[in-house]
Amino acid sequence: TIRCTNGTTYDVGLGDGENSTGPMARRMKLGSSFISYGLFKTNAYTTPWGNTGSDRVSGTGTAGNQNINVFGRVPPQATPSPGTYKDNVVVTVTY
């Protein structure tokens, strides 16, 4: 959720995470094992959400709360060891 003054433009970017090389190469980690995943702007899973240029999501404030959805997808891959995999993604809001 973001809340900006009415008429204020903003951009929201998502960092690559701790274990990746870019927005299309995010990985969650458990020990030395990884699970690849992606974060996207829409539920079509075709437009990755990153932290530069057109990879960011833009909007204009309304003076009220505005929900911004992030769509995640784990593509088919070799089955990893069971456990809790983690990653940290930094959210950057510029206005």
C-alpha atoms as a PDB file:
ATOM      1  CA  THR A   1       0.000   0.000   0.000  1.00  0.00           C
ATOM      2  CA  ILE A   2       1.264   3.464  -0.875  1.00  0.00           C
ATOM      3  CA  ARG A   3      -0.168   6.831   0.121  1.00  0.00           C
ATOM      4  CA  CYS A   4       0.950  10.054  -1.576  1.00  0.00           C
ATOM      5  CA  THR A   5      -0.434  13.567  -1.757  1.00  0.00           C
ATOM      6  CA  ASN A   6      -3.063  13.990  -4.472  1.00  0.00           C
ATOM      7  CA  GLY A   7      -1.310  14.539  -7.807  1.00  0.00           C
ATOM      8  CA  THR A   8       2.158  13.467  -6.651  1.00  0.00           C
ATOM      9  CA  THR A   9       3.785  11.027  -9.055  1.00  0.00           C
ATOM     10  CA  TYR A  10       5.734   8.071  -7.717  1.00  0.00           C
ATOM     11  CA  ASP A  11       7.730   5.061  -8.860  1.00  0.00           C
ATOM     12  CA  VAL A  12       8.073   1.782  -6.992  1.00  0.00           C
ATOM     13  CA  GLY A  13      11.042  -0.470  -7.664  1.00  0.00           C
ATOM     14  CA  LEU A  14      11.872  -3.952  -6.410  1.00  0.00           C
ATOM     15  CA  GLY A  15      15.486  -4.900  -5.831  1.00  0.00           C
ATOM     16  CA  ASP A  16      16.971  -8.079  -7.252  1.00  0.00           C
ATOM     17  CA  GLY A  17      17.197  -9.821  -3.877  1.00  0.00           C
ATOM     18  CA  GLU A  18      20.258 -11.145  -2.086  1.00  0.00           C
ATOM     19  CA  ASN A  19      20.903 -14.175  -4.305  1.00  0.00           C
ATOM     20  CA  SER A  20      20.369 -12.984  -7.873  1.00  0.00           C
ATOM     21  CA  THR A  21      21.942 -11.280 -10.843  1.00  0.00           C
ATOM     22  CA  GLY A  22      18.853  -9.344 -11.986  1.00  0.00           C
ATOM     23  CA  PRO A  23      15.055  -9.173 -11.863  1.00  0.00           C
ATOM     24  CA  MET A  24      14.731 -12.272 -14.056  1.00  0.00           C
ATOM     25  CA  ALA A  25      17.186 -14.273 -11.928  1.00  0.00           C
ATOM     26  CA  ARG A  26      15.876 -13.990  -8.364  1.00  0.00           C
ATOM     27  CA  ARG A  27      16.573 -16.932  -6.077  1.00  0.00           C
ATOM     28  CA  MET A  28      15.512 -17.971  -2.598  1.00  0.00           C
ATOM     29  CA  LYS A  29      18.183 -19.763  -0.585  1.00  0.00           C
ATOM     30  CA  LEU A  30      18.421 -22.531   1.985  1.00  0.00           C
ATOM     31  CA  GLY A  31      22.028 -23.404   2.818  1.00  0.00           C
ATOM     32  CA  SER A  32      23.635 -24.065  -0.561  1.00  0.00           C
ATOM     33  CA  SER A  33      20.315 -24.824  -2.307  1.00  0.00           C
ATOM     34  CA  PHE A  34      18.265 -22.345  -4.338  1.00  0.00           C
ATOM     35  CA  ILE A  35      14.755 -21.967  -5.755  1.00  0.00           C
ATOM     36  CA  SER A  36      14.376 -19.585  -8.708  1.00  0.00           C
ATOM     37  CA  TYR A  37      11.396 -17.224  -8.718  1.00  0.00           C
ATOM     38  CA  GLY A  38      10.123 -14.083 -10.386  1.00  0.00           C
ATOM     39  CA  LEU A  39       8.228 -10.972  -9.305  1.00  0.00           C
ATOM     40  CA  PHE A  40       5.983  -9.407 -11.931  1.00  0.00           C
ATOM     41  CA  LYS A  41       3.820  -6.334 -12.517  1.00  0.00           C
ATOM     42  CA  THR A  42       0.762  -8.290 -13.699  1.00  0.00           C
ATOM     43  CA  ASN A  43      -0.739 -11.745 -13.288  1.00  0.00           C
ATOM     44  CA  ALA A  44       0.213 -12.500 -16.915  1.00  0.00           C
ATOM     45  CA  TYR A  45       3.767 -13.050 -15.537  1.00  0.00           C
ATOM     46  CA  THR A  46       5.347 -11.477 -18.623  1.00  0.00           C
ATOM     47  CA  THR A  47       6.627  -8.122 -17.310  1.00  0.00           C
ATOM     48  CA  PRO A  48       9.273  -8.458 -14.597  1.00  0.00           C
ATOM     49  CA  TRP A  49       9.311  -5.906 -11.793  1.00  0.00           C
ATOM     50  CA  GLY A  50      12.768  -4.498 -11.148  1.00  0.00           C
ATOM     51  CA  ASN A  51      14.361  -1.312  -9.886  1.00  0.00           C
ATOM     52  CA  THR A  52      15.496   0.563 -12.998  1.00  0.00           C
ATOM     53  CA  GLY A  53      13.763   2.498 -15.783  1.00  0.00           C
ATOM     54  CA  SER A  54      10.651   0.837 -17.177  1.00  0.00           C
ATOM     55  CA  ASP A  55      11.068  -2.128 -14.786  1.00  0.00           C
ATOM     56  CA  ARG A  56       9.524   0.093 -12.072  1.00  0.00           C
ATOM     57  CA  VAL A  57       5.794   0.663 -11.452  1.00  0.00           C
ATOM     58  CA  SER A  58       4.598   4.273 -11.684  1.00  0.00           C
ATOM     59  CA  GLY A  59       1.481   5.976 -10.407  1.00  0.00           C
ATOM     60  CA  THR A  60      -0.054   9.215  -9.218  1.00  0.00           C
ATOM     61  CA  GLY A  61      -1.103   9.801  -5.621  1.00  0.00           C
ATOM     62  CA  THR A  62      -4.770  10.226  -4.713  1.00  0.00           C
ATOM     63  CA  ALA A  63      -4.280  11.294  -1.058  1.00  0.00           C
ATOM     64  CA  GLY A  64      -5.667   7.886  -0.064  1.00  0.00           C
ATOM     65  CA  ASN A  65      -4.229   4.407   0.268  1.00  0.00           C
ATOM     66  CA  GLN A  66      -3.431   2.774  -3.068  1.00  0.00           C
ATOM     67  CA  ASN A  67      -2.814  -0.965  -3.203  1.00  0.00           C
ATOM     68  CA  ILE A  68      -0.043  -2.140  -5.482  1.00  0.00           C
ATOM     69  CA  ASN A  69      -0.025  -5.876  -6.186  1.00  0.00           C
ATOM     70  CA  VAL A  70       3.136  -7.893  -6.721  1.00  0.00           C
ATOM     71  CA  PHE A  71       2.665 -11.151  -8.615  1.00  0.00           C
ATOM     72  CA  GLY A  72       5.126 -13.962  -7.852  1.00  0.00           C
ATOM     73  CA  ARG A  73       5.849 -17.110  -9.798  1.00  0.00           C
ATOM     74  CA  VAL A  74       8.111 -20.108  -9.218  1.00  0.00           C
ATOM     75  CA  PRO A  75       8.932 -21.670 -12.607  1.00  0.00           C
ATOM     76  CA  PRO A  76       9.318 -25.436 -13.121  1.00  0.00           C
ATOM     77  CA  GLN A  77      12.728 -26.590 -11.902  1.00  0.00           C
ATOM     78  CA  ALA A  78      14.447 -29.523 -10.257  1.00  0.00           C
ATOM     79  CA  THR A  79      12.825 -30.312  -6.915  1.00  0.00           C
ATOM     80  CA  PRO A  80      15.009 -28.817  -4.178  1.00  0.00           C
ATOM     81  CA  SER A  81      15.586 -30.179  -0.700  1.00  0.00           C
ATOM     82  CA  PRO A  82      12.628 -29.493   1.637  1.00  0.00           C
ATOM     83  CA  GLY A  83      12.885 -26.580   4.022  1.00  0.00           C
ATOM     84  CA  THR A  84      12.301 -22.857   4.353  1.00  0.00           C
ATOM     85  CA  TYR A  85      13.892 -20.868   1.535  1.00  0.00           C
ATOM     86  CA  LYS A  86      14.349 -17.109   1.963  1.00  0.00           C
ATOM     87  CA  ASP A  87      15.294 -13.981   0.091  1.00  0.00           C
ATOM     88  CA  ASN A  88      15.135 -10.262   0.922  1.00  0.00           C
ATOM     89  CA  VAL A  89      13.913  -7.827  -1.707  1.00  0.00           C
ATOM     90  CA  VAL A  90      14.290  -4.096  -1.071  1.00  0.00           C
ATOM     91  CA  VAL A  91      11.334  -1.908  -2.100  1.00  0.00           C
ATOM     92  CA  THR A  92      12.283   1.604  -3.254  1.00  0.00           C
ATOM     93  CA  VAL A  93       9.660   4.349  -3.512  1.00  0.00           C
ATOM     94  CA  THR A  94      10.646   7.544  -5.341  1.00  0.00           C
ATOM     95  CA  TYR A  95       8.362  10.570  -5.421  1.00  0.00           C
END
